[in-house]
Amino acid sequence: GKCYRLLTETDFYKLAKKPVPEMQRTNLSTVILQLKAMGIDNILYFDFMSPPPAESMIRGLELFYALGALDDNAKLTPNIGEKMSEFPVDPPLAKMLLSSGDYGCSEEILSIASMLSVQGVFSYPKGGRSQVDSVKKKFSVHEGDHLTLLNVYNAYIHNNRNVKWCHTRFLNPKALERAFQIRKQLRSYLRRFGVPLTSTSEIQKILKCITCGYFHNAARHLGDGTYKTVRSDLKLNIHPNSAIFTRTPDWVIFHEVVFTTKDFMKDVSAIDFTWLSEIAPHFYTYKPLPNAP
């Protein structure tokens, strides 16, 4: 078929002559990991059809080194890097899953990872947003969205994956069933890699494990309702759909950034900032400020 885009003449002449190739405007982490897994060491000089910016490639390599996926010779590490390349999820999510055994929360992390892998868990009917928000509060916790998603998944399983139960709570049964299937697949990977399948009720362990994969997505509150990322100084806002939208924790980690009317963080959880230097001392250094006179 054909698709026609209608726009004003003024806007038409503002468009670039050619669209920017996807390789030059998307996250390169998965691409870098797959190239490394194929034995291509010098990826900066790889013959891409549309070469991405060298700066983006370098940032990707730095992130993999911080995640423990690359050694000092920029080769995949056997315990983390090679296993991450086999997971059918984004590298930070794979690192979170591989770390879950160390924190004794692999069952919870499996559920969270599967929920992060689907879109549209809550259905927002026209004119019914207030009803959805009211129901959503029953699942929400003040720690943030990751544990809220965990509560939704656990409730779905507890109610025998009942479609009618989903509809009465404005949940998308197709998305939840998809998460259920993804979880089974990810669980088989953990079994194959020898990650202990354990469970915990300690929220701090779960949040620390999430931080293991997403420490690079840390942001601090600026005091005016906005946040700034620690490494790149990108100014962000908590997404209105977040469980902690009405709160302003001092430090958060987030799953991704979406650009609409503002730059929003999605899937946000509050953390203790000391975890950053504890979990990723090679990425962050914590130095307490001297006492003011």
C-alpha atoms as a PDB file:
ATOM      1  CA  GLY A   1       0.000   0.000   0.000  1.00  0.00           C
ATOM      2  CA  LYS A   2       0.869   3.653  -0.073  1.00  0.00           C
ATOM      3  CA  CYS A   3       0.913   6.139   2.772  1.00  0.00           C
ATOM      4  CA  TYR A   4       0.410   9.867   2.179  1.00  0.00           C
ATOM      5  CA  ARG A   5       1.492  12.417   4.771  1.00  0.00           C
ATOM      6  CA  LEU A   6      -0.384  15.709   4.701  1.00  0.00           C
ATOM      7  CA  LEU A   7       1.291  18.836   6.033  1.00  0.00           C
ATOM      8  CA  THR A   8       1.480  22.533   5.317  1.00  0.00           C
ATOM      9  CA  GLU A   9       3.870  23.899   2.716  1.00  0.00           C
ATOM     10  CA  THR A  10       5.850  25.706   5.418  1.00  0.00           C
ATOM     11  CA  ASP A  11       6.348  22.498   7.410  1.00  0.00           C
ATOM     12  CA  PHE A  12       7.173  20.579   4.231  1.00  0.00           C
ATOM     13  CA  TYR A  13      10.142  22.808   3.467  1.00  0.00           C
ATOM     14  CA  LYS A  14      11.377  22.428   7.044  1.00  0.00           C
ATOM     15  CA  LEU A  15      11.853  18.680   6.531  1.00  0.00           C
ATOM     16  CA  ALA A  16      15.281  17.246   5.815  1.00  0.00           C
ATOM     17  CA  LYS A  17      15.872  16.150   2.223  1.00  0.00           C
ATOM     18  CA  LYS A  18      16.506  12.610   3.443  1.00  0.00           C
ATOM     19  CA  PRO A  19      15.429  10.922   6.687  1.00  0.00           C
ATOM     20  CA  VAL A  20      18.188  10.169   9.159  1.00  0.00           C
ATOM     21  CA  PRO A  21      19.097   6.434   8.931  1.00  0.00           C
ATOM     22  CA  GLU A  22      17.851   4.449  11.892  1.00  0.00           C
ATOM     23  CA  MET A  23      21.398   3.293  12.659  1.00  0.00           C
ATOM     24  CA  GLN A  24      22.344   6.903  13.340  1.00  0.00           C
ATOM     25  CA  ARG A  25      19.482   7.750  15.687  1.00  0.00           C
ATOM     26  CA  THR A  26      18.788   4.651  17.782  1.00  0.00           C
ATOM     27  CA  ASN A  27      20.305   2.879  20.767  1.00  0.00           C
ATOM     28  CA  LEU A  28      23.316   0.922  19.541  1.00  0.00           C
ATOM     29  CA  SER A  29      23.818  -1.294  22.585  1.00  0.00           C
ATOM     30  CA  THR A  30      22.295  -4.437  21.045  1.00  0.00           C
ATOM     31  CA  VAL A  31      24.152  -3.871  17.761  1.00  0.00           C
ATOM     32  CA  ILE A  32      27.498  -3.503  19.546  1.00  0.00           C
ATOM     33  CA  LEU A  33      26.880  -6.615  21.635  1.00  0.00           C
ATOM     34  CA  GLN A  34      25.993  -8.748  18.613  1.00  0.00           C
ATOM     35  CA  LEU A  35      29.043  -7.570  16.670  1.00  0.00           C
ATOM     36  CA  LYS A  36      31.254  -8.442  19.637  1.00  0.00           C
ATOM     37  CA  ALA A  37      29.591 -11.855  19.900  1.00  0.00           C
ATOM     38  CA  MET A  38      30.432 -12.489  16.233  1.00  0.00           C
ATOM     39  CA  GLY A  39      34.097 -11.842  16.974  1.00  0.00           C
ATOM     40  CA  ILE A  40      34.315  -8.385  15.395  1.00  0.00           C
ATOM     41  CA  ASP A  41      36.661  -6.576  17.759  1.00  0.00           C
ATOM     42  CA  ASN A  42      37.290  -3.208  16.122  1.00  0.00           C
ATOM     43  CA  ILE A  43      33.684  -2.145  15.675  1.00  0.00           C
ATOM     44  CA  LEU A  44      34.603   1.541  15.296  1.00  0.00           C
ATOM     45  CA  TYR A  45      35.937   0.700  11.826  1.00  0.00           C
ATOM     46  CA  PHE A  46      33.202  -1.780  10.895  1.00  0.00           C
ATOM     47  CA  ASP A  47      31.839  -1.142   7.387  1.00  0.00           C
ATOM     48  CA  PHE A  48      28.297   0.027   8.234  1.00  0.00           C
ATOM     49  CA  MET A  49      26.061   1.042   5.323  1.00  0.00           C
ATOM     50  CA  SER A  50      25.151   4.159   7.335  1.00  0.00           C
ATOM     51  CA  PRO A  51      27.939   4.613   9.887  1.00  0.00           C
ATOM     52  CA  PRO A  52      26.653   5.765  13.292  1.00  0.00           C
ATOM     53  CA  PRO A  53      28.455   8.600  15.086  1.00  0.00           C
ATOM     54  CA  ALA A  54      31.744   7.435  16.611  1.00  0.00           C
ATOM     55  CA  GLU A  55      30.751   9.136  19.854  1.00  0.00           C
ATOM     56  CA  SER A  56      27.659   6.913  20.141  1.00  0.00           C
ATOM     57  CA  MET A  57      29.775   3.807  19.591  1.00  0.00           C
ATOM     58  CA  ILE A  58      32.289   4.890  22.224  1.00  0.00           C
ATOM     59  CA  ARG A  59      29.499   5.571  24.736  1.00  0.00           C
ATOM     60  CA  GLY A  60      28.108   2.121  24.035  1.00  0.00           C
ATOM     61  CA  LEU A  61      31.486   0.481  24.629  1.00  0.00           C
ATOM     62  CA  GLU A  62      31.913   2.442  27.859  1.00  0.00           C
ATOM     63  CA  LEU A  63      28.516   1.241  29.053  1.00  0.00           C
ATOM     64  CA  PHE A  64      29.337  -2.403  28.309  1.00  0.00           C
ATOM     65  CA  TYR A  65      32.612  -2.072  30.160  1.00  0.00           C
ATOM     66  CA  ALA A  66      30.720  -0.592  33.128  1.00  0.00           C
ATOM     67  CA  LEU A  67      28.183  -3.444  32.990  1.00  0.00           C
ATOM     68  CA  GLY A  68      31.064  -5.934  33.157  1.00  0.00           C
ATOM     69  CA  ALA A  69      30.371  -7.250  29.662  1.00  0.00           C
ATOM     70  CA  LEU A  70      33.792  -6.227  28.282  1.00  0.00           C
ATOM     71  CA  ASP A  71      37.254  -6.834  29.719  1.00  0.00           C
ATOM     72  CA  ASP A  72      40.271  -4.526  29.529  1.00  0.00           C
ATOM     73  CA  ASN A  73      40.960  -5.762  25.977  1.00  0.00           C
ATOM     74  CA  ALA A  74      37.395  -4.889  24.873  1.00  0.00           C
ATOM     75  CA  LYS A  75      36.452  -8.561  24.514  1.00  0.00           C
ATOM     76  CA  LEU A  76      33.277 -10.145  25.874  1.00  0.00           C
ATOM     77  CA  THR A  77      33.676 -11.489  29.389  1.00  0.00           C
ATOM     78  CA  PRO A  78      32.630 -15.158  29.719  1.00  0.00           C
ATOM     79  CA  ASN A  79      30.523 -14.761  32.865  1.00  0.00           C
ATOM     80  CA  ILE A  80      28.552 -11.691  31.795  1.00  0.00           C
ATOM     81  CA  GLY A  81      29.242 -10.488  28.261  1.00  0.00           C
ATOM     82  CA  GLU A  82      28.829 -13.800  26.459  1.00  0.00           C
ATOM     83  CA  LYS A  83      25.676 -14.634  28.412  1.00  0.00           C
ATOM     84  CA  MET A  84      24.209 -11.159  27.817  1.00  0.00           C
ATOM     85  CA  SER A  85      24.658 -11.609  24.053  1.00  0.00           C
ATOM     86  CA  GLU A  86      22.373 -14.680  24.155  1.00  0.00           C
ATOM     87  CA  PHE A  87      19.484 -13.001  26.000  1.00  0.00           C
ATOM     88  CA  PRO A  88      16.628 -11.808  23.741  1.00  0.00           C
ATOM     89  CA  VAL A  89      16.337  -8.550  25.706  1.00  0.00           C
ATOM     90  CA  ASP A  90      18.240  -5.269  25.936  1.00  0.00           C
ATOM     91  CA  PRO A  91      21.696  -5.589  27.568  1.00  0.00           C
ATOM     92  CA  PRO A  92      20.862  -3.672  30.793  1.00  0.00           C
ATOM     93  CA  LEU A  93      17.829  -5.924  31.292  1.00  0.00           C
ATOM     94  CA  ALA A  94      20.020  -8.977  30.693  1.00  0.00           C
ATOM     95  CA  LYS A  95      22.535  -7.745  33.304  1.00  0.00           C
ATOM     96  CA  MET A  96      19.688  -7.241  35.774  1.00  0.00           C
ATOM     97  CA  LEU A  97      18.534 -10.828  35.202  1.00  0.00           C
ATOM     98  CA  LEU A  98      22.027 -12.290  35.520  1.00  0.00           C
ATOM     99  CA  SER A  99      22.554 -10.381  38.796  1.00  0.00           C
ATOM    100  CA  SER A 100      19.254 -11.516  40.311  1.00  0.00           C
ATOM    101  CA  GLY A 101      20.727 -14.702  41.784  1.00  0.00           C
ATOM    102  CA  ASP A 102      23.287 -12.688  43.753  1.00  0.00           C
ATOM    103  CA  TYR A 103      20.471 -10.759  45.421  1.00  0.00           C
ATOM    104  CA  GLY A 104      18.195 -13.764  45.938  1.00  0.00           C
ATOM    105  CA  CYS A 105      15.336 -12.211  43.956  1.00  0.00           C
ATOM    106  CA  SER A 106      15.416 -13.918  40.565  1.00  0.00           C
ATOM    107  CA  GLU A 107      11.693 -14.786  40.598  1.00  0.00           C
ATOM    108  CA  GLU A 108      10.725 -11.140  41.199  1.00  0.00           C
ATOM    109  CA  ILE A 109      13.203  -9.852  38.633  1.00  0.00           C
ATOM    110  CA  LEU A 110      11.866 -12.308  36.043  1.00  0.00           C
ATOM    111  CA  SER A 111       8.372 -10.871  36.526  1.00  0.00           C
ATOM    112  CA  ILE A 112       9.599  -7.268  36.360  1.00  0.00           C
ATOM    113  CA  ALA A 113      11.719  -7.938  33.257  1.00  0.00           C
ATOM    114  CA  SER A 114       8.815  -9.590  31.460  1.00  0.00           C
ATOM    115  CA  MET A 115       6.497  -6.682  32.297  1.00  0.00           C
ATOM    116  CA  LEU A 116       9.075  -4.181  31.042  1.00  0.00           C
ATOM    117  CA  SER A 117       9.172  -6.108  27.764  1.00  0.00           C
ATOM    118  CA  VAL A 118       5.521  -5.417  26.894  1.00  0.00           C
ATOM    119  CA  GLN A 119       3.652  -2.217  26.160  1.00  0.00           C
ATOM    120  CA  GLY A 120       0.249  -0.978  27.282  1.00  0.00           C
ATOM    121  CA  VAL A 121      -0.306  -2.945  30.485  1.00  0.00           C
ATOM    122  CA  PHE A 122      -3.102  -0.544  31.480  1.00  0.00           C
ATOM    123  CA  SER A 123      -5.924   0.300  29.066  1.00  0.00           C
ATOM    124  CA  TYR A 124      -7.123   3.903  29.046  1.00  0.00           C
ATOM    125  CA  PRO A 125     -10.656   4.112  27.618  1.00  0.00           C
ATOM    126  CA  LYS A 126     -11.794   7.452  26.255  1.00  0.00           C
ATOM    127  CA  GLY A 127     -12.945   9.666  29.107  1.00  0.00           C
ATOM    128  CA  GLY A 128     -12.106   7.032  31.728  1.00  0.00           C
ATOM    129  CA  ARG A 129      -8.628   8.089  32.769  1.00  0.00           C
ATOM    130  CA  SER A 130      -9.678   8.982  36.326  1.00  0.00           C
ATOM    131  CA  GLN A 131     -11.172   5.495  36.769  1.00  0.00           C
ATOM    132  CA  VAL A 132      -7.972   3.852  35.539  1.00  0.00           C
ATOM    133  CA  ASP A 133      -5.840   5.993  37.851  1.00  0.00           C
ATOM    134  CA  SER A 134      -8.079   5.039  40.768  1.00  0.00           C
ATOM    135  CA  VAL A 135      -7.657   1.312  40.036  1.00  0.00           C
ATOM    136  CA  LYS A 136      -3.942   1.739  39.383  1.00  0.00           C
ATOM    137  CA  LYS A 137      -3.432   3.136  42.885  1.00  0.00           C
ATOM    138  CA  LYS A 138      -4.394  -0.268  44.309  1.00  0.00           C
ATOM    139  CA  PHE A 139      -1.283  -1.742  42.681  1.00  0.00           C
ATOM    140  CA  SER A 140       1.005   1.236  43.176  1.00  0.00           C
ATOM    141  CA  VAL A 141       3.736   1.450  45.794  1.00  0.00           C
ATOM    142  CA  HIS A 142       5.720   4.505  46.815  1.00  0.00           C
ATOM    143  CA  GLU A 143       9.001   2.876  45.740  1.00  0.00           C
ATOM    144  CA  GLY A 144       8.023   3.279  42.089  1.00  0.00           C
ATOM    145  CA  ASP A 145       6.947   1.660  38.850  1.00  0.00           C
ATOM    146  CA  HIS A 146       9.049  -1.507  38.857  1.00  0.00           C
ATOM    147  CA  LEU A 147       7.448  -2.841  42.020  1.00  0.00           C
ATOM    148  CA  THR A 148       4.059  -1.623  40.814  1.00  0.00           C
ATOM    149  CA  LEU A 149       4.479  -3.771  37.689  1.00  0.00           C
ATOM    150  CA  LEU A 150       5.478  -6.670  39.922  1.00  0.00           C
ATOM    151  CA  ASN A 151       2.255  -6.253  41.928  1.00  0.00           C
ATOM    152  CA  VAL A 152       0.190  -6.227  38.730  1.00  0.00           C
ATOM    153  CA  TYR A 153       1.821  -9.418  37.445  1.00  0.00           C
ATOM    154  CA  ASN A 154       1.482 -11.235  40.773  1.00  0.00           C
ATOM    155  CA  ALA A 155      -2.192 -10.272  40.981  1.00  0.00           C
ATOM    156  CA  TYR A 156      -2.725 -11.517  37.411  1.00  0.00           C
ATOM    157  CA  ILE A 157      -1.217 -14.899  38.279  1.00  0.00           C
ATOM    158  CA  HIS A 158      -3.075 -15.050  41.620  1.00  0.00           C
ATOM    159  CA  ASN A 159      -6.360 -14.600  39.731  1.00  0.00           C
ATOM    160  CA  ASN A 160      -5.515 -17.440  37.336  1.00  0.00           C
ATOM    161  CA  ARG A 161      -4.863 -15.116  34.365  1.00  0.00           C
ATOM    162  CA  ASN A 162      -8.578 -14.373  34.178  1.00  0.00           C
ATOM    163  CA  VAL A 163      -9.541 -12.111  31.261  1.00  0.00           C
ATOM    164  CA  LYS A 164     -12.699 -10.790  32.950  1.00  0.00           C
ATOM    165  CA  TRP A 165     -10.653  -9.841  36.031  1.00  0.00           C
ATOM    166  CA  CYS A 166      -8.314  -7.877  33.736  1.00  0.00           C
ATOM    167  CA  HIS A 167     -11.127  -5.965  32.043  1.00  0.00           C
ATOM    168  CA  THR A 168     -12.727  -4.892  35.338  1.00  0.00           C
ATOM    169  CA  ARG A 169      -9.353  -3.426  36.375  1.00  0.00           C
ATOM    170  CA  PHE A 170      -8.565  -1.763  33.037  1.00  0.00           C
ATOM    171  CA  LEU A 171      -5.671  -4.165  32.425  1.00  0.00           C
ATOM    172  CA  ASN A 172      -4.717  -5.394  28.973  1.00  0.00           C
ATOM    173  CA  PRO A 173      -5.037  -9.218  29.103  1.00  0.00           C
ATOM    174  CA  LYS A 174      -3.082  -9.673  25.855  1.00  0.00           C
ATOM    175  CA  ALA A 175      -0.123  -7.702  27.214  1.00  0.00           C
ATOM    176  CA  LEU A 176      -0.192  -9.628  30.491  1.00  0.00           C
ATOM    177  CA  GLU A 177      -0.387 -12.979  28.718  1.00  0.00           C
ATOM    178  CA  ARG A 178       2.513 -11.919  26.538  1.00  0.00           C
ATOM    179  CA  ALA A 179       4.468 -11.055  29.704  1.00  0.00           C
ATOM    180  CA  PHE A 180       3.623 -14.505  31.085  1.00  0.00           C
ATOM    181  CA  GLN A 181       5.077 -16.185  27.982  1.00  0.00           C
ATOM    182  CA  ILE A 182       8.172 -13.964  27.989  1.00  0.00           C
ATOM    183  CA  ARG A 183       8.764 -14.796  31.644  1.00  0.00           C
ATOM    184  CA  LYS A 184       8.770 -18.525  30.873  1.00  0.00           C
ATOM    185  CA  GLN A 185      11.326 -17.982  28.129  1.00  0.00           C
ATOM    186  CA  LEU A 186      13.588 -15.809  30.314  1.00  0.00           C
ATOM    187  CA  ARG A 187      13.324 -18.354  33.135  1.00  0.00           C
ATOM    188  CA  SER A 188      14.699 -21.033  30.834  1.00  0.00           C
ATOM    189  CA  TYR A 189      17.713 -18.809  30.119  1.00  0.00           C
ATOM    190  CA  LEU A 190      18.403 -18.366  33.827  1.00  0.00           C
ATOM    191  CA  ARG A 191      18.237 -22.137  34.297  1.00  0.00           C
ATOM    192  CA  ARG A 192      20.658 -22.670  31.422  1.00  0.00           C
ATOM    193  CA  PHE A 193      23.118 -20.133  32.832  1.00  0.00           C
ATOM    194  CA  GLY A 194      22.914 -21.611  36.325  1.00  0.00           C
ATOM    195  CA  VAL A 195      21.324 -18.571  37.995  1.00  0.00           C
ATOM    196  CA  PRO A 196      19.607 -19.696  41.234  1.00  0.00           C
ATOM    197  CA  LEU A 197      15.822 -19.325  41.066  1.00  0.00           C
ATOM    198  CA  THR A 198      15.077 -17.719  44.408  1.00  0.00           C
ATOM    199  CA  SER A 199      12.500 -15.346  45.836  1.00  0.00           C
ATOM    200  CA  THR A 200      12.536 -12.598  48.457  1.00  0.00           C
ATOM    201  CA  SER A 201      10.203 -10.161  50.164  1.00  0.00           C
ATOM    202  CA  GLU A 202      12.977  -7.611  50.776  1.00  0.00           C
ATOM    203  CA  ILE A 203      12.237  -4.606  48.585  1.00  0.00           C
ATOM    204  CA  GLN A 204      15.756  -3.191  48.918  1.00  0.00           C
ATOM    205  CA  LYS A 205      17.306  -6.314  47.369  1.00  0.00           C
ATOM    206  CA  ILE A 206      14.971  -6.067  44.381  1.00  0.00           C
ATOM    207  CA  LEU A 207      15.708  -2.369  43.852  1.00  0.00           C
ATOM    208  CA  LYS A 208      19.449  -2.937  44.176  1.00  0.00           C
ATOM    209  CA  CYS A 209      19.265  -5.673  41.561  1.00  0.00           C
ATOM    210  CA  ILE A 210      17.400  -3.328  39.182  1.00  0.00           C
ATOM    211  CA  THR A 211      20.090  -0.723  39.829  1.00  0.00           C
ATOM    212  CA  CYS A 212      22.725  -3.280  38.728  1.00  0.00           C
ATOM    213  CA  GLY A 213      21.358  -3.043  35.198  1.00  0.00           C
ATOM    214  CA  TYR A 214      20.276   0.579  35.111  1.00  0.00           C
ATOM    215  CA  PHE A 215      22.801   2.483  37.244  1.00  0.00           C
ATOM    216  CA  HIS A 216      23.714   4.497  34.144  1.00  0.00           C
ATOM    217  CA  ASN A 217      20.103   5.785  34.068  1.00  0.00           C
ATOM    218  CA  ALA A 218      20.325   7.555  37.425  1.00  0.00           C
ATOM    219  CA  ALA A 219      18.918  11.038  37.947  1.00  0.00           C
ATOM    220  CA  ARG A 220      18.794  13.452  40.872  1.00  0.00           C
ATOM    221  CA  HIS A 221      16.014  15.848  41.827  1.00  0.00           C
ATOM    222  CA  LEU A 222      16.775  19.515  41.198  1.00  0.00           C
ATOM    223  CA  GLY A 223      14.257  20.884  43.693  1.00  0.00           C
ATOM    224  CA  ASP A 224      11.821  22.248  41.094  1.00  0.00           C
ATOM    225  CA  GLY A 225      10.066  19.005  40.151  1.00  0.00           C
ATOM    226  CA  THR A 226      12.555  18.145  37.402  1.00  0.00           C
ATOM    227  CA  TYR A 227      15.509  15.771  37.379  1.00  0.00           C
ATOM    228  CA  LYS A 228      18.955  15.756  35.817  1.00  0.00           C
ATOM    229  CA  THR A 229      20.860  12.645  34.803  1.00  0.00           C
ATOM    230  CA  VAL A 230      24.096  12.187  36.703  1.00  0.00           C
ATOM    231  CA  ARG A 231      26.383  11.439  33.764  1.00  0.00           C
ATOM    232  CA  SER A 232      24.946  13.460  30.875  1.00  0.00           C
ATOM    233  CA  ASP A 233      23.193  16.351  32.653  1.00  0.00           C
ATOM    234  CA  LEU A 234      20.024  15.729  30.647  1.00  0.00           C
ATOM    235  CA  LYS A 235      17.028  17.471  32.207  1.00  0.00           C
ATOM    236  CA  LEU A 236      14.045  15.108  32.585  1.00  0.00           C
ATOM    237  CA  ASN A 237      10.569  14.847  34.079  1.00  0.00           C
ATOM    238  CA  ILE A 238       8.751  11.899  35.624  1.00  0.00           C
ATOM    239  CA  HIS A 239       6.078  10.593  33.248  1.00  0.00           C
ATOM    240  CA  PRO A 240       2.477  11.411  34.302  1.00  0.00           C
ATOM    241  CA  ASN A 241       1.601   7.694  34.232  1.00  0.00           C
ATOM    242  CA  SER A 242       4.283   6.879  36.800  1.00  0.00           C
ATOM    243  CA  ALA A 243       3.323   5.623  40.249  1.00  0.00           C
ATOM    244  CA  ILE A 244       5.568   8.303  41.770  1.00  0.00           C
ATOM    245  CA  PHE A 245       4.461  11.196  39.549  1.00  0.00           C
ATOM    246  CA  THR A 246       3.071  13.109  42.534  1.00  0.00           C
ATOM    247  CA  ARG A 247       6.186  12.419  44.614  1.00  0.00           C
ATOM    248  CA  THR A 248       9.672  13.819  44.191  1.00  0.00           C
ATOM    249  CA  PRO A 249      12.235  11.329  45.530  1.00  0.00           C
ATOM    250  CA  ASP A 250      15.754  12.725  45.670  1.00  0.00           C
ATOM    251  CA  TRP A 251      17.263  10.019  43.457  1.00  0.00           C
ATOM    252  CA  VAL A 252      15.713   7.725  40.856  1.00  0.00           C
ATOM    253  CA  ILE A 253      16.636   5.237  38.155  1.00  0.00           C
ATOM    254  CA  PHE A 254      14.554   4.861  35.001  1.00  0.00           C
ATOM    255  CA  HIS A 255      14.089   2.332  32.221  1.00  0.00           C
ATOM    256  CA  GLU A 256      13.879   4.666  29.241  1.00  0.00           C
ATOM    257  CA  VAL A 257      13.278   8.238  28.085  1.00  0.00           C
ATOM    258  CA  VAL A 258      10.387   9.231  25.822  1.00  0.00           C
ATOM    259  CA  PHE A 259      10.201  12.565  24.023  1.00  0.00           C
ATOM    260  CA  THR A 260       6.724  14.113  23.719  1.00  0.00           C
ATOM    261  CA  THR A 261       5.793  17.537  25.049  1.00  0.00           C
ATOM    262  CA  LYS A 262       8.723  17.161  27.457  1.00  0.00           C
ATOM    263  CA  ASP A 263      11.523  14.674  28.033  1.00  0.00           C
ATOM    264  CA  PHE A 264       9.934  12.055  30.275  1.00  0.00           C
ATOM    265  CA  MET A 265      11.413   9.180  32.267  1.00  0.00           C
ATOM    266  CA  LYS A 266       9.341   5.987  32.071  1.00  0.00           C
ATOM    267  CA  ASP A 267       9.317   3.109  34.559  1.00  0.00           C
ATOM    268  CA  VAL A 268      10.925   5.014  37.412  1.00  0.00           C
ATOM    269  CA  SER A 269      11.931   3.827  40.887  1.00  0.00           C
ATOM    270  CA  ALA A 270      13.330   5.678  43.870  1.00  0.00           C
ATOM    271  CA  ILE A 271      16.787   4.595  45.070  1.00  0.00           C
ATOM    272  CA  ASP A 272      19.386   5.440  47.689  1.00  0.00           C
ATOM    273  CA  PHE A 273      22.156   7.374  45.923  1.00  0.00           C
ATOM    274  CA  THR A 274      24.857   5.498  47.879  1.00  0.00           C
ATOM    275  CA  TRP A 275      23.877   2.352  45.945  1.00  0.00           C
ATOM    276  CA  LEU A 276      25.400   3.849  42.793  1.00  0.00           C
ATOM    277  CA  SER A 277      28.966   3.917  44.083  1.00  0.00           C
ATOM    278  CA  GLU A 278      28.410   0.611  45.888  1.00  0.00           C
ATOM    279  CA  ILE A 279      27.119  -1.257  42.815  1.00  0.00           C
ATOM    280  CA  ALA A 280      29.124   0.568  40.120  1.00  0.00           C
ATOM    281  CA  PRO A 281      32.267   2.019  41.751  1.00  0.00           C
ATOM    282  CA  HIS A 282      33.940   2.023  38.321  1.00  0.00           C
ATOM    283  CA  PHE A 283      31.161   4.294  37.011  1.00  0.00           C
ATOM    284  CA  TYR A 284      30.424   6.520  40.017  1.00  0.00           C
ATOM    285  CA  THR A 285      32.536   7.873  42.833  1.00  0.00           C
ATOM    286  CA  TYR A 286      30.834   9.083  45.984  1.00  0.00           C
ATOM    287  CA  LYS A 287      32.592  11.894  47.815  1.00  0.00           C
ATOM    288  CA  PRO A 288      30.721  13.490  50.723  1.00  0.00           C
ATOM    289  CA  LEU A 289      30.880  17.269  50.702  1.00  0.00           C
ATOM    290  CA  PRO A 290      32.886  18.850  53.540  1.00  0.00           C
ATOM    291  CA  ASN A 291      30.843  20.448  56.301  1.00  0.00           C
ATOM    292  CA  ALA A 292      30.040  24.044  55.621  1.00  0.00           C
ATOM    293  CA  PRO A 293      31.579  26.517  58.058  1.00  0.00           C
END
